[in-house]
Amino acid sequence: MLDFEEELKRFRPSLEIGEVEDAIGREDLTDMTDLMVELLRESRE
């Protein structure tokens, strides 16, 4: 059974939309395209 009191102690509210946008914007999001471009640049040097 769930211990609701324990669950409430661990509860953290989710970020609001604006906060999520700020958090994502601060992250360095490198994707596969970025990696491939970097590898191609290095191979040409």
PDB file of N, CA and C in Angstrom:
ATOM      1  N   MET A   1       0.825  -1.174   0.000  1.00  0.00           N
ATOM      2  CA  MET A   1       0.000   0.000   0.000  1.00  0.00           C
ATOM      3  C   MET A   1       0.877   1.249   0.000  1.00  0.00           C
ATOM      4  N   LEU A   2       0.340   2.303  -0.514  1.00  0.00           N
ATOM      5  CA  LEU A   2       1.065   3.555  -0.535  1.00  0.00           C
ATOM      6  C   LEU A   2       0.995   4.254   0.815  1.00  0.00           C
ATOM      7  N   ASP A   3       2.121   4.780   1.215  1.00  0.00           N
ATOM      8  CA  ASP A   3       2.169   5.608   2.421  1.00  0.00           C
ATOM      9  C   ASP A   3       2.089   7.062   1.958  1.00  0.00           C
ATOM     10  N   PHE A   4       0.884   7.628   1.998  1.00  0.00           N
ATOM     11  CA  PHE A   4       0.667   8.958   1.450  1.00  0.00           C
ATOM     12  C   PHE A   4       1.499  10.020   2.148  1.00  0.00           C
ATOM     13  N   GLU A   5       1.700   9.890   3.439  1.00  0.00           N
ATOM     14  CA  GLU A   5       2.517  10.861   4.167  1.00  0.00           C
ATOM     15  C   GLU A   5       3.950  10.844   3.652  1.00  0.00           C
ATOM     16  N   GLU A   6       4.484   9.655   3.422  1.00  0.00           N
ATOM     17  CA  GLU A   6       5.849   9.521   2.902  1.00  0.00           C
ATOM     18  C   GLU A   6       5.942  10.067   1.475  1.00  0.00           C
ATOM     19  N   GLU A   7       4.949   9.779   0.675  1.00  0.00           N
ATOM     20  CA  GLU A   7       4.927  10.291  -0.698  1.00  0.00           C
ATOM     21  C   GLU A   7       4.871  11.816  -0.714  1.00  0.00           C
ATOM     22  N   LEU A   8       4.099  12.405   0.175  1.00  0.00           N
ATOM     23  CA  LEU A   8       4.006  13.872   0.245  1.00  0.00           C
ATOM     24  C   LEU A   8       5.333  14.500   0.662  1.00  0.00           C
ATOM     25  N   LYS A   9       6.084  13.827   1.503  1.00  0.00           N
ATOM     26  CA  LYS A   9       7.401  14.336   1.916  1.00  0.00           C
ATOM     27  C   LYS A   9       8.356  14.389   0.728  1.00  0.00           C
ATOM     28  N   ARG A  10       8.248  13.424  -0.182  1.00  0.00           N
ATOM     29  CA  ARG A  10       9.156  13.353  -1.327  1.00  0.00           C
ATOM     30  C   ARG A  10       8.660  14.135  -2.541  1.00  0.00           C
ATOM     31  N   PHE A  11       7.455  14.672  -2.467  1.00  0.00           N
ATOM     32  CA  PHE A  11       6.852  15.358  -3.606  1.00  0.00           C
ATOM     33  C   PHE A  11       7.609  16.633  -3.938  1.00  0.00           C
ATOM     34  N   ARG A  12       7.909  16.804  -5.237  1.00  0.00           N
ATOM     35  CA  ARG A  12       8.485  18.049  -5.746  1.00  0.00           C
ATOM     36  C   ARG A  12       7.616  18.501  -6.902  1.00  0.00           C
ATOM     37  N   PRO A  13       7.078  19.710  -6.838  1.00  0.00           N
ATOM     38  CA  PRO A  13       6.213  20.174  -7.926  1.00  0.00           C
ATOM     39  C   PRO A  13       6.996  20.292  -9.234  1.00  0.00           C
ATOM     40  N   SER A  14       6.304  20.080 -10.318  1.00  0.00           N
ATOM     41  CA  SER A  14       6.958  20.189 -11.623  1.00  0.00           C
ATOM     42  C   SER A  14       7.220  21.652 -11.935  1.00  0.00           C
ATOM     43  N   LEU A  15       8.169  21.876 -12.830  1.00  0.00           N
ATOM     44  CA  LEU A  15       8.513  23.235 -13.227  1.00  0.00           C
ATOM     45  C   LEU A  15       7.392  23.835 -14.062  1.00  0.00           C
ATOM     46  N   GLU A  16       7.218  25.131 -13.953  1.00  0.00           N
ATOM     47  CA  GLU A  16       6.282  25.832 -14.803  1.00  0.00           C
ATOM     48  C   GLU A  16       6.893  25.943 -16.199  1.00  0.00           C
ATOM     49  N   ILE A  17       6.068  26.224 -17.193  1.00  0.00           N
ATOM     50  CA  ILE A  17       6.528  26.272 -18.584  1.00  0.00           C
ATOM     51  C   ILE A  17       7.708  27.228 -18.746  1.00  0.00           C
ATOM     52  N   GLY A  18       7.626  28.403 -18.200  1.00  0.00           N
ATOM     53  CA  GLY A  18       8.720  29.377 -18.318  1.00  0.00           C
ATOM     54  C   GLY A  18      10.008  28.875 -17.694  1.00  0.00           C
ATOM     55  N   GLU A  19       9.894  28.208 -16.553  1.00  0.00           N
ATOM     56  CA  GLU A  19      11.072  27.662 -15.887  1.00  0.00           C
ATOM     57  C   GLU A  19      11.684  26.538 -16.701  1.00  0.00           C
ATOM     58  N   VAL A  20      10.852  25.724 -17.322  1.00  0.00           N
ATOM     59  CA  VAL A  20      11.349  24.630 -18.159  1.00  0.00           C
ATOM     60  C   VAL A  20      12.115  25.200 -19.345  1.00  0.00           C
ATOM     61  N   GLU A  21      11.556  26.226 -19.988  1.00  0.00           N
ATOM     62  CA  GLU A  21      12.231  26.842 -21.127  1.00  0.00           C
ATOM     63  C   GLU A  21      13.598  27.381 -20.706  1.00  0.00           C
ATOM     64  N   ASP A  22      13.676  28.030 -19.546  1.00  0.00           N
ATOM     65  CA  ASP A  22      14.950  28.561 -19.064  1.00  0.00           C
ATOM     66  C   ASP A  22      15.940  27.438 -18.770  1.00  0.00           C
ATOM     67  N   ALA A  23      15.459  26.362 -18.145  1.00  0.00           N
ATOM     68  CA  ALA A  23      16.333  25.239 -17.802  1.00  0.00           C
ATOM     69  C   ALA A  23      16.878  24.570 -19.056  1.00  0.00           C
ATOM     70  N   ILE A  24      16.036  24.400 -20.059  1.00  0.00           N
ATOM     71  CA  ILE A  24      16.483  23.773 -21.306  1.00  0.00           C
ATOM     72  C   ILE A  24      17.441  24.694 -22.046  1.00  0.00           C
ATOM     73  N   GLY A  25      17.136  25.975 -22.047  1.00  0.00           N
ATOM     74  CA  GLY A  25      17.985  26.944 -22.740  1.00  0.00           C
ATOM     75  C   GLY A  25      19.391  27.017 -22.174  1.00  0.00           C
ATOM     76  N   ARG A  26      19.552  26.741 -20.895  1.00  0.00           N
ATOM     77  CA  ARG A  26      20.871  26.792 -20.263  1.00  0.00           C
ATOM     78  C   ARG A  26      21.683  25.528 -20.509  1.00  0.00           C
ATOM     79  N   GLU A  27      21.050  24.465 -20.921  1.00  0.00           N
ATOM     80  CA  GLU A  27      21.749  23.200 -21.143  1.00  0.00           C
ATOM     81  C   GLU A  27      22.488  23.216 -22.487  1.00  0.00           C
ATOM     82  N   ASP A  28      23.596  22.505 -22.540  1.00  0.00           N
ATOM     83  CA  ASP A  28      24.328  22.337 -23.790  1.00  0.00           C
ATOM     84  C   ASP A  28      23.770  21.087 -24.464  1.00  0.00           C
ATOM     85  N   LEU A  29      22.882  21.290 -25.419  1.00  0.00           N
ATOM     86  CA  LEU A  29      22.214  20.172 -26.067  1.00  0.00           C
ATOM     87  C   LEU A  29      22.915  19.854 -27.389  1.00  0.00           C
ATOM     88  N   THR A  30      23.772  18.860 -27.346  1.00  0.00           N
ATOM     89  CA  THR A  30      24.493  18.421 -28.527  1.00  0.00           C
ATOM     90  C   THR A  30      23.772  17.206 -29.093  1.00  0.00           C
ATOM     91  N   ASP A  31      23.428  17.262 -30.380  1.00  0.00           N
ATOM     92  CA  ASP A  31      22.762  16.117 -30.982  1.00  0.00           C
ATOM     93  C   ASP A  31      23.704  15.444 -31.978  1.00  0.00           C
ATOM     94  N   MET A  32      23.228  14.410 -32.631  1.00  0.00           N
ATOM     95  CA  MET A  32      24.068  13.655 -33.557  1.00  0.00           C
ATOM     96  C   MET A  32      24.558  14.509 -34.718  1.00  0.00           C
ATOM     97  N   THR A  33      23.741  15.439 -35.186  1.00  0.00           N
ATOM     98  CA  THR A  33      24.174  16.305 -36.282  1.00  0.00           C
ATOM     99  C   THR A  33      25.366  17.149 -35.849  1.00  0.00           C
ATOM    100  N   ASP A  34      25.309  17.719 -34.649  1.00  0.00           N
ATOM    101  CA  ASP A  34      26.427  18.503 -34.132  1.00  0.00           C
ATOM    102  C   ASP A  34      27.693  17.655 -34.044  1.00  0.00           C
ATOM    103  N   LEU A  35      27.549  16.424 -33.576  1.00  0.00           N
ATOM    104  CA  LEU A  35      28.705  15.533 -33.460  1.00  0.00           C
ATOM    105  C   LEU A  35      29.303  15.206 -34.826  1.00  0.00           C
ATOM    106  N   MET A  36      28.450  14.943 -35.809  1.00  0.00           N
ATOM    107  CA  MET A  36      28.941  14.614 -37.148  1.00  0.00           C
ATOM    108  C   MET A  36      29.644  15.810 -37.778  1.00  0.00           C
ATOM    109  N   VAL A  37      29.087  17.006 -37.614  1.00  0.00           N
ATOM    110  CA  VAL A  37      29.717  18.213 -38.154  1.00  0.00           C
ATOM    111  C   VAL A  37      31.088  18.410 -37.521  1.00  0.00           C
ATOM    112  N   GLU A  38      31.189  18.216 -36.234  1.00  0.00           N
ATOM    113  CA  GLU A  38      32.472  18.365 -35.541  1.00  0.00           C
ATOM    114  C   GLU A  38      33.484  17.328 -36.024  1.00  0.00           C
ATOM    115  N   LEU A  39      33.058  16.095 -36.207  1.00  0.00           N
ATOM    116  CA  LEU A  39      33.962  15.055 -36.711  1.00  0.00           C
ATOM    117  C   LEU A  39      34.443  15.379 -38.118  1.00  0.00           C
ATOM    118  N   LEU A  40      33.560  15.882 -38.967  1.00  0.00           N
ATOM    119  CA  LEU A  40      33.958  16.257 -40.322  1.00  0.00           C
ATOM    120  C   LEU A  40      34.959  17.406 -40.306  1.00  0.00           C
ATOM    121  N   ARG A  41      34.740  18.375 -39.452  1.00  0.00           N
ATOM    122  CA  ARG A  41      35.688  19.506 -39.343  1.00  0.00           C
ATOM    123  C   ARG A  41      37.059  19.009 -38.897  1.00  0.00           C
ATOM    124  N   GLU A  42      37.066  18.128 -37.912  1.00  0.00           N
ATOM    125  CA  GLU A  42      38.343  17.607 -37.410  1.00  0.00           C
ATOM    126  C   GLU A  42      39.051  16.777 -38.465  1.00  0.00           C
ATOM    127  N   SER A  43      38.321  16.029 -39.260  1.00  0.00           N
ATOM    128  CA  SER A  43      38.948  15.178 -40.264  1.00  0.00           C
ATOM    129  C   SER A  43      39.536  16.000 -41.410  1.00  0.00           C
ATOM    130  N   ARG A  44      39.043  17.188 -41.640  1.00  0.00           N
ATOM    131  CA  ARG A  44      39.553  18.048 -42.706  1.00  0.00           C
ATOM    132  C   ARG A  44      40.809  18.809 -42.296  1.00  0.00           C
ATOM    133  N   GLU A  45      41.066  18.878 -41.021  1.00  0.00           N
ATOM    134  CA  GLU A  45      42.236  19.633 -40.532  1.00  0.00           C
ATOM    135  C   GLU A  45      43.520  18.869 -40.682  1.00  0.00           C
TER     136      GLU A  45
END
